[in-house]
């Protein structure tokens, strides 16, 4: 049992969790005026990460839809298409998509929100334009027909 210096992922001191690294890489990419190569990203991360580690992080972000890449010779240049908030939203969506009972998960999530967060969520939902797709029927709404 070692509770000295480790982070929430249980890795050694000085190591950052995958989510923090992804957020840091995304932040660096957002500062680029144009698509950039891996070496540019690595340099701005402080140089303590291996080139292959930066490629791995960028590839994971690409798989999540947070960055785009385009060929530049034999390698790629990278562009951020999401920010840190968008990355967090992608992670939340992935968790939700993995659950069989979406309604129960969303209901539990909403009931656990603080009053301020609940009000904010209501405001955001009220501001969203109507979707062209009809909502999926719930067990309670199916019985009303």
N, C-alpha and C. Protein backbone atom coordinates (compact mmCIF):
# COMPACT_ATOMS: atom_id res chain seq x y z
N UNK A 1 0.83 -1.18 0.00
CA UNK A 1 0.00 0.00 0.00
C UNK A 1 0.88 1.24 0.00
N UNK A 2 0.83 1.97 -1.06
CA UNK A 2 1.61 3.18 -1.17
C UNK A 2 0.67 4.34 -1.42
N UNK A 3 0.49 5.21 -0.43
CA UNK A 3 -0.36 6.35 -0.63
C UNK A 3 0.46 7.64 -0.67
N UNK A 4 1.73 7.53 -1.03
CA UNK A 4 2.58 8.70 -1.15
C UNK A 4 2.88 8.97 -2.61
N UNK A 5 2.46 10.14 -3.08
CA UNK A 5 2.91 10.61 -4.38
C UNK A 5 2.21 10.03 -5.58
N UNK A 6 1.40 8.99 -5.46
CA UNK A 6 0.74 8.47 -6.64
C UNK A 6 -0.42 9.34 -7.04
N UNK A 7 -0.88 9.20 -8.28
CA UNK A 7 -2.04 9.96 -8.71
C UNK A 7 -3.26 9.07 -8.69
N UNK A 8 -4.39 9.59 -9.17
CA UNK A 8 -5.62 8.83 -9.09
C UNK A 8 -5.62 7.56 -9.94
N UNK A 9 -4.70 7.44 -10.86
CA UNK A 9 -4.64 6.24 -11.67
C UNK A 9 -3.73 5.18 -11.07
N UNK A 10 -3.07 5.52 -9.96
CA UNK A 10 -2.20 4.56 -9.30
C UNK A 10 -0.82 4.50 -9.90
N UNK A 11 -0.48 5.40 -10.80
CA UNK A 11 0.84 5.37 -11.40
C UNK A 11 1.83 6.10 -10.51
N UNK A 12 3.07 6.05 -10.87
CA UNK A 12 4.13 6.60 -10.05
C UNK A 12 4.11 8.12 -10.05
N UNK A 13 4.78 8.73 -9.05
CA UNK A 13 4.84 10.19 -9.01
C UNK A 13 5.46 10.73 -10.29
N UNK A 14 4.98 11.88 -10.74
CA UNK A 14 5.53 12.48 -11.94
C UNK A 14 4.84 12.02 -13.21
N UNK A 15 4.12 10.94 -13.14
CA UNK A 15 3.38 10.46 -14.32
C UNK A 15 2.00 11.07 -14.31
N UNK A 16 1.53 11.42 -15.49
CA UNK A 16 0.20 11.99 -15.61
C UNK A 16 -0.75 10.92 -16.13
N UNK A 17 -2.00 10.98 -15.69
CA UNK A 17 -3.00 10.05 -16.18
C UNK A 17 -3.32 10.31 -17.63
N UNK A 18 -3.86 9.30 -18.31
CA UNK A 18 -4.16 9.42 -19.73
C UNK A 18 -5.08 10.60 -20.03
N UNK A 19 -6.09 10.81 -19.21
CA UNK A 19 -7.02 11.92 -19.44
C UNK A 19 -6.33 13.27 -19.35
N UNK A 20 -5.40 13.40 -18.40
CA UNK A 20 -4.68 14.67 -18.26
C UNK A 20 -3.73 14.90 -19.42
N UNK A 21 -3.09 13.85 -19.87
CA UNK A 21 -2.20 13.98 -21.04
C UNK A 21 -3.00 14.36 -22.28
N UNK A 22 -4.14 13.71 -22.47
CA UNK A 22 -4.97 14.03 -23.62
C UNK A 22 -5.42 15.49 -23.58
N UNK A 23 -5.84 15.95 -22.41
CA UNK A 23 -6.27 17.34 -22.27
C UNK A 23 -5.12 18.30 -22.54
N UNK A 24 -3.93 17.96 -22.07
CA UNK A 24 -2.76 18.81 -22.28
C UNK A 24 -2.40 18.87 -23.77
N UNK A 25 -2.39 17.72 -24.43
CA UNK A 25 -2.09 17.68 -25.87
C UNK A 25 -3.14 18.48 -26.64
N UNK A 26 -4.40 18.32 -26.28
CA UNK A 26 -5.47 19.05 -26.95
C UNK A 26 -5.31 20.55 -26.76
N UNK A 27 -4.93 20.95 -25.56
CA UNK A 27 -4.70 22.36 -25.27
C UNK A 27 -3.57 22.93 -26.13
N UNK A 28 -2.49 22.17 -26.26
CA UNK A 28 -1.37 22.59 -27.09
C UNK A 28 -1.81 22.72 -28.55
N UNK A 29 -2.55 21.74 -29.03
CA UNK A 29 -3.01 21.77 -30.42
C UNK A 29 -3.94 22.96 -30.68
N UNK A 30 -4.77 23.30 -29.70
CA UNK A 30 -5.68 24.44 -29.86
C UNK A 30 -4.91 25.73 -30.07
N UNK A 31 -3.68 25.79 -29.58
CA UNK A 31 -2.85 26.99 -29.73
C UNK A 31 -2.16 27.09 -31.07
N UNK A 32 -2.29 26.09 -31.90
CA UNK A 32 -1.64 26.10 -33.21
C UNK A 32 -2.48 26.86 -34.21
N UNK A 33 -1.83 27.68 -35.03
CA UNK A 33 -2.53 28.47 -36.05
C UNK A 33 -2.87 27.65 -37.28
N UNK A 34 -2.22 26.50 -37.43
CA UNK A 34 -2.42 25.64 -38.60
C UNK A 34 -2.12 24.20 -38.19
N UNK A 35 -2.45 23.22 -39.02
CA UNK A 35 -2.11 21.83 -38.69
C UNK A 35 -0.61 21.68 -38.43
N UNK A 36 -0.27 20.90 -37.40
CA UNK A 36 1.13 20.81 -36.97
C UNK A 36 1.58 19.35 -36.88
N UNK A 37 2.90 19.12 -37.04
CA UNK A 37 3.44 17.76 -36.90
C UNK A 37 3.60 17.36 -35.43
N UNK A 38 3.83 16.10 -35.22
CA UNK A 38 4.01 15.55 -33.87
C UNK A 38 5.15 16.24 -33.13
N UNK A 39 6.25 16.48 -33.81
CA UNK A 39 7.42 17.10 -33.15
C UNK A 39 7.06 18.48 -32.59
N UNK A 40 6.22 19.23 -33.28
CA UNK A 40 5.79 20.55 -32.79
C UNK A 40 5.02 20.40 -31.48
N UNK A 41 4.11 19.42 -31.45
CA UNK A 41 3.33 19.17 -30.24
C UNK A 41 4.25 18.72 -29.11
N UNK A 42 5.14 17.78 -29.40
CA UNK A 42 6.07 17.26 -28.39
C UNK A 42 6.91 18.38 -27.78
N UNK A 43 7.41 19.28 -28.61
CA UNK A 43 8.24 20.38 -28.13
C UNK A 43 7.48 21.28 -27.16
N UNK A 44 6.22 21.55 -27.46
CA UNK A 44 5.42 22.43 -26.61
C UNK A 44 4.89 21.76 -25.36
N UNK A 45 4.97 20.44 -25.31
CA UNK A 45 4.58 19.71 -24.10
C UNK A 45 5.69 19.71 -23.06
N UNK A 46 6.84 20.24 -23.42
CA UNK A 46 7.93 20.31 -22.46
C UNK A 46 9.04 19.32 -22.74
N UNK A 47 8.89 18.47 -23.73
CA UNK A 47 9.95 17.57 -24.12
C UNK A 47 10.17 16.37 -23.23
N UNK A 48 9.38 16.20 -22.14
CA UNK A 48 9.60 15.05 -21.28
C UNK A 48 8.86 13.81 -21.75
N UNK A 49 8.07 13.95 -22.81
CA UNK A 49 7.35 12.79 -23.35
C UNK A 49 8.04 12.29 -24.61
N UNK A 50 8.09 10.99 -24.77
CA UNK A 50 8.69 10.40 -25.96
C UNK A 50 7.83 10.71 -27.18
N UNK A 51 8.46 10.81 -28.31
CA UNK A 51 7.78 11.07 -29.58
C UNK A 51 6.66 10.04 -29.80
N UNK A 52 6.95 8.78 -29.52
CA UNK A 52 5.96 7.72 -29.72
C UNK A 52 4.77 7.87 -28.77
N UNK A 53 5.02 8.39 -27.57
CA UNK A 53 3.92 8.63 -26.62
C UNK A 53 3.00 9.71 -27.16
N UNK A 54 3.57 10.77 -27.72
CA UNK A 54 2.76 11.85 -28.29
C UNK A 54 1.94 11.33 -29.46
N UNK A 55 2.55 10.50 -30.31
CA UNK A 55 1.80 9.90 -31.43
C UNK A 55 0.64 9.05 -30.90
N UNK A 56 0.89 8.28 -29.87
CA UNK A 56 -0.16 7.43 -29.29
C UNK A 56 -1.32 8.29 -28.77
N UNK A 57 -1.00 9.36 -28.07
CA UNK A 57 -2.04 10.24 -27.54
C UNK A 57 -2.84 10.87 -28.68
N UNK A 58 -2.14 11.37 -29.69
CA UNK A 58 -2.83 11.97 -30.84
C UNK A 58 -3.71 10.95 -31.55
N UNK A 59 -3.24 9.73 -31.68
CA UNK A 59 -4.02 8.68 -32.34
C UNK A 59 -5.27 8.36 -31.53
N UNK A 60 -5.15 8.31 -30.21
CA UNK A 60 -6.32 8.08 -29.36
C UNK A 60 -7.32 9.22 -29.48
N UNK A 61 -6.82 10.45 -29.49
CA UNK A 61 -7.69 11.60 -29.65
C UNK A 61 -8.38 11.59 -31.01
N UNK A 62 -7.67 11.14 -32.02
CA UNK A 62 -8.25 11.01 -33.35
C UNK A 62 -9.38 9.99 -33.34
N UNK A 63 -9.16 8.88 -32.68
CA UNK A 63 -10.18 7.84 -32.57
C UNK A 63 -11.43 8.33 -31.84
N UNK A 64 -11.26 9.29 -30.95
CA UNK A 64 -12.38 9.86 -30.20
C UNK A 64 -13.04 11.01 -30.93
N UNK A 65 -12.48 11.40 -32.07
CA UNK A 65 -13.04 12.50 -32.84
C UNK A 65 -12.65 13.87 -32.32
N UNK A 66 -11.64 13.95 -31.46
CA UNK A 66 -11.23 15.24 -30.88
C UNK A 66 -10.19 15.96 -31.73
N UNK A 67 -9.48 15.22 -32.60
CA UNK A 67 -8.50 15.82 -33.50
C UNK A 67 -8.67 15.24 -34.90
N UNK A 68 -8.20 16.00 -35.87
CA UNK A 68 -8.17 15.52 -37.26
C UNK A 68 -6.71 15.46 -37.68
N UNK A 69 -6.45 14.61 -38.66
CA UNK A 69 -5.09 14.53 -39.19
C UNK A 69 -5.18 14.49 -40.72
N UNK A 70 -4.11 14.99 -41.33
CA UNK A 70 -4.02 14.91 -42.78
C UNK A 70 -2.59 14.57 -43.16
N UNK A 71 -2.46 13.87 -44.25
CA UNK A 71 -1.13 13.46 -44.71
C UNK A 71 -0.28 14.66 -45.06
N UNK A 72 0.97 14.59 -44.68
CA UNK A 72 1.98 15.58 -45.04
C UNK A 72 3.25 14.80 -45.31
N UNK A 73 3.44 14.41 -46.54
CA UNK A 73 4.57 13.54 -46.88
C UNK A 73 4.31 12.14 -46.36
N UNK A 74 5.26 11.63 -45.57
CA UNK A 74 5.11 10.27 -45.03
C UNK A 74 4.48 10.25 -43.64
N UNK A 75 4.18 11.41 -43.09
CA UNK A 75 3.58 11.47 -41.76
C UNK A 75 2.28 12.27 -41.80
N UNK A 76 1.83 12.72 -40.65
CA UNK A 76 0.59 13.49 -40.55
C UNK A 76 0.85 14.83 -39.89
N UNK A 77 -0.06 15.76 -40.16
CA UNK A 77 -0.15 16.98 -39.36
C UNK A 77 -1.51 16.93 -38.69
N UNK A 78 -1.59 17.55 -37.51
CA UNK A 78 -2.74 17.39 -36.62
C UNK A 78 -3.42 18.70 -36.32
N UNK A 79 -4.75 18.66 -36.16
CA UNK A 79 -5.55 19.83 -35.83
C UNK A 79 -6.57 19.45 -34.77
N UNK A 80 -6.73 20.29 -33.77
CA UNK A 80 -7.77 20.05 -32.75
C UNK A 80 -9.13 20.44 -33.33
N UNK A 81 -10.13 19.60 -33.11
CA UNK A 81 -11.49 19.92 -33.52
C UNK A 81 -12.41 20.00 -32.31
N UNK A 82 -11.85 19.76 -31.14
CA UNK A 82 -12.59 19.81 -29.90
C UNK A 82 -11.71 20.48 -28.86
N UNK A 83 -12.32 20.95 -27.78
CA UNK A 83 -11.55 21.51 -26.68
C UNK A 83 -11.64 20.57 -25.48
N UNK A 84 -11.12 20.99 -24.34
CA UNK A 84 -11.13 20.12 -23.16
C UNK A 84 -12.54 19.78 -22.72
N UNK A 85 -13.45 20.75 -22.82
CA UNK A 85 -14.84 20.49 -22.45
C UNK A 85 -15.46 19.47 -23.41
N UNK A 86 -15.13 19.59 -24.68
CA UNK A 86 -15.62 18.63 -25.66
C UNK A 86 -15.08 17.24 -25.42
N UNK A 87 -13.82 17.16 -24.99
CA UNK A 87 -13.21 15.87 -24.68
C UNK A 87 -13.91 15.23 -23.48
N UNK A 88 -14.20 16.03 -22.47
CA UNK A 88 -14.93 15.51 -21.30
C UNK A 88 -16.31 15.03 -21.72
N UNK A 89 -16.96 15.78 -22.60
CA UNK A 89 -18.29 15.38 -23.09
C UNK A 89 -18.20 14.06 -23.87
N UNK A 90 -17.15 13.89 -24.65
CA UNK A 90 -16.96 12.62 -25.37
C UNK A 90 -16.82 11.45 -24.40
N UNK A 91 -16.06 11.67 -23.31
CA UNK A 91 -15.90 10.61 -22.31
C UNK A 91 -17.24 10.29 -21.65
N UNK A 92 -18.02 11.32 -21.34
CA UNK A 92 -19.33 11.10 -20.72
C UNK A 92 -20.24 10.33 -21.67
N UNK A 93 -20.21 10.70 -22.94
CA UNK A 93 -21.04 10.03 -23.94
C UNK A 93 -20.65 8.56 -24.09
N UNK A 94 -19.35 8.28 -24.03
CA UNK A 94 -18.86 6.90 -24.14
C UNK A 94 -19.40 6.06 -22.98
N UNK A 95 -19.38 6.61 -21.78
CA UNK A 95 -19.92 5.90 -20.62
C UNK A 95 -21.41 5.65 -20.80
N UNK A 96 -22.14 6.66 -21.23
CA UNK A 96 -23.58 6.52 -21.44
C UNK A 96 -23.88 5.48 -22.52
N UNK A 97 -23.13 5.52 -23.61
CA UNK A 97 -23.35 4.57 -24.72
C UNK A 97 -23.09 3.12 -24.30
N UNK A 98 -22.27 2.92 -23.28
CA UNK A 98 -21.93 1.57 -22.85
C UNK A 98 -23.00 0.95 -21.96
N UNK A 99 -23.95 1.72 -21.52
CA UNK A 99 -24.99 1.24 -20.61
C UNK A 99 -26.25 0.83 -21.36
N UNK A 100 -26.90 -0.23 -20.90
CA UNK A 100 -28.11 -0.73 -21.55
C UNK A 100 -29.32 0.14 -21.24
N UNK A 101 -29.42 0.64 -20.02
CA UNK A 101 -30.58 1.42 -19.61
C UNK A 101 -30.21 2.90 -19.54
N UNK A 102 -30.23 3.56 -20.70
CA UNK A 102 -29.84 4.96 -20.79
C UNK A 102 -30.70 5.84 -19.89
N UNK A 103 -32.00 5.56 -19.85
CA UNK A 103 -32.91 6.38 -19.07
C UNK A 103 -32.54 6.33 -17.59
N UNK A 104 -32.23 5.15 -17.08
CA UNK A 104 -31.85 5.01 -15.67
C UNK A 104 -30.54 5.75 -15.38
N UNK A 105 -29.58 5.64 -16.30
CA UNK A 105 -28.30 6.31 -16.10
C UNK A 105 -28.49 7.82 -16.10
N UNK A 106 -29.23 8.33 -17.07
CA UNK A 106 -29.47 9.78 -17.14
C UNK A 106 -30.26 10.27 -15.92
N UNK A 107 -31.26 9.49 -15.51
CA UNK A 107 -32.05 9.87 -14.33
C UNK A 107 -31.17 9.93 -13.09
N UNK A 108 -30.29 8.96 -12.91
CA UNK A 108 -29.37 8.96 -11.76
C UNK A 108 -28.42 10.14 -11.83
N UNK A 109 -27.94 10.43 -13.02
CA UNK A 109 -27.03 11.55 -13.21
C UNK A 109 -27.71 12.87 -12.84
N UNK A 110 -28.90 13.07 -13.37
CA UNK A 110 -29.62 14.33 -13.14
C UNK A 110 -29.99 14.50 -11.67
N UNK A 111 -30.42 13.43 -11.03
CA UNK A 111 -30.81 13.57 -9.62
C UNK A 111 -29.61 13.82 -8.71
N UNK A 112 -28.41 13.50 -9.16
CA UNK A 112 -27.21 13.74 -8.36
C UNK A 112 -26.61 15.13 -8.58
N UNK A 113 -27.16 15.90 -9.51
CA UNK A 113 -26.63 17.24 -9.79
C UNK A 113 -26.95 18.20 -8.66
N UNK A 114 -26.08 19.17 -8.48
CA UNK A 114 -26.38 20.26 -7.55
C UNK A 114 -27.50 21.10 -8.15
N UNK A 115 -28.15 21.91 -7.34
CA UNK A 115 -29.22 22.79 -7.84
C UNK A 115 -28.71 23.71 -8.94
N UNK A 116 -27.52 24.26 -8.76
CA UNK A 116 -26.95 25.15 -9.78
C UNK A 116 -26.70 24.42 -11.09
N UNK A 117 -26.14 23.21 -11.01
CA UNK A 117 -25.90 22.44 -12.23
C UNK A 117 -27.21 22.03 -12.89
N UNK A 118 -28.22 21.70 -12.07
CA UNK A 118 -29.52 21.34 -12.62
C UNK A 118 -30.12 22.53 -13.37
N UNK A 119 -30.04 23.70 -12.79
CA UNK A 119 -30.56 24.91 -13.45
C UNK A 119 -29.80 25.18 -14.75
N UNK A 120 -28.49 25.03 -14.71
CA UNK A 120 -27.68 25.24 -15.91
C UNK A 120 -28.08 24.25 -17.00
N UNK A 121 -28.24 22.98 -16.63
CA UNK A 121 -28.64 21.97 -17.60
C UNK A 121 -30.00 22.29 -18.20
N UNK A 122 -30.95 22.72 -17.37
CA UNK A 122 -32.27 23.11 -17.87
C UNK A 122 -32.16 24.26 -18.87
N UNK A 123 -31.33 25.25 -18.55
CA UNK A 123 -31.14 26.39 -19.46
C UNK A 123 -30.54 25.94 -20.79
N UNK A 124 -29.54 25.07 -20.71
CA UNK A 124 -28.90 24.56 -21.93
C UNK A 124 -29.88 23.76 -22.78
N UNK A 125 -30.68 22.93 -22.15
CA UNK A 125 -31.66 22.13 -22.88
C UNK A 125 -32.74 23.02 -23.50
N UNK A 126 -33.16 24.05 -22.80
CA UNK A 126 -34.18 24.96 -23.32
C UNK A 126 -33.66 25.75 -24.52
N UNK A 127 -32.35 25.99 -24.56
CA UNK A 127 -31.75 26.76 -25.65
C UNK A 127 -31.47 25.91 -26.89
N UNK A 128 -31.50 24.58 -26.77
CA UNK A 128 -31.21 23.70 -27.90
C UNK A 128 -32.33 23.76 -28.92
N UNK A 129 -31.98 23.80 -30.21
CA UNK A 129 -33.02 23.74 -31.25
C UNK A 129 -33.68 22.37 -31.26
N UNK A 130 -34.92 22.32 -31.67
CA UNK A 130 -35.66 21.06 -31.74
C UNK A 130 -34.99 20.11 -32.72
N UNK A 131 -34.94 18.85 -32.37
CA UNK A 131 -34.38 17.82 -33.24
C UNK A 131 -35.44 17.37 -34.24
N UNK A 132 -35.01 16.96 -35.42
CA UNK A 132 -35.93 16.44 -36.43
C UNK A 132 -36.39 15.03 -36.10
N UNK A 133 -35.62 14.35 -35.24
CA UNK A 133 -35.97 12.97 -34.90
C UNK A 133 -36.90 12.96 -33.71
N UNK A 134 -37.95 12.11 -33.76
CA UNK A 134 -38.83 12.02 -32.59
C UNK A 134 -38.11 11.32 -31.45
N UNK A 135 -38.45 11.67 -30.19
CA UNK A 135 -37.79 11.00 -29.07
C UNK A 135 -38.20 9.55 -29.00
N UNK A 136 -37.28 8.73 -28.48
CA UNK A 136 -37.61 7.31 -28.33
C UNK A 136 -38.64 7.16 -27.22
N UNK A 137 -39.62 6.28 -27.42
CA UNK A 137 -40.66 6.13 -26.38
C UNK A 137 -40.06 5.51 -25.12
N UNK A 138 -40.56 5.97 -23.99
CA UNK A 138 -40.14 5.39 -22.71
C UNK A 138 -41.23 4.44 -22.25
N UNK A 139 -40.97 3.66 -21.25
CA UNK A 139 -41.95 2.69 -20.75
C UNK A 139 -43.20 3.41 -20.31
N UNK A 140 -43.06 4.58 -19.66
CA UNK A 140 -44.24 5.31 -19.17
C UNK A 140 -45.02 5.92 -20.32
N UNK A 141 -44.34 6.40 -21.38
CA UNK A 141 -45.07 7.03 -22.48
C UNK A 141 -45.75 5.99 -23.36
N UNK A 142 -45.20 4.77 -23.42
CA UNK A 142 -45.85 3.73 -24.22
C UNK A 142 -47.18 3.32 -23.61
N UNK A 143 -47.29 3.37 -22.30
CA UNK A 143 -48.53 2.98 -21.63
C UNK A 143 -49.60 4.05 -21.79
N UNK A 144 -49.23 5.26 -22.18
CA UNK A 144 -50.19 6.34 -22.31
C UNK A 144 -50.95 6.27 -23.63
N UNK A 145 -50.54 5.42 -24.54
CA UNK A 145 -51.15 5.39 -25.88
C UNK A 145 -52.37 4.56 -25.91
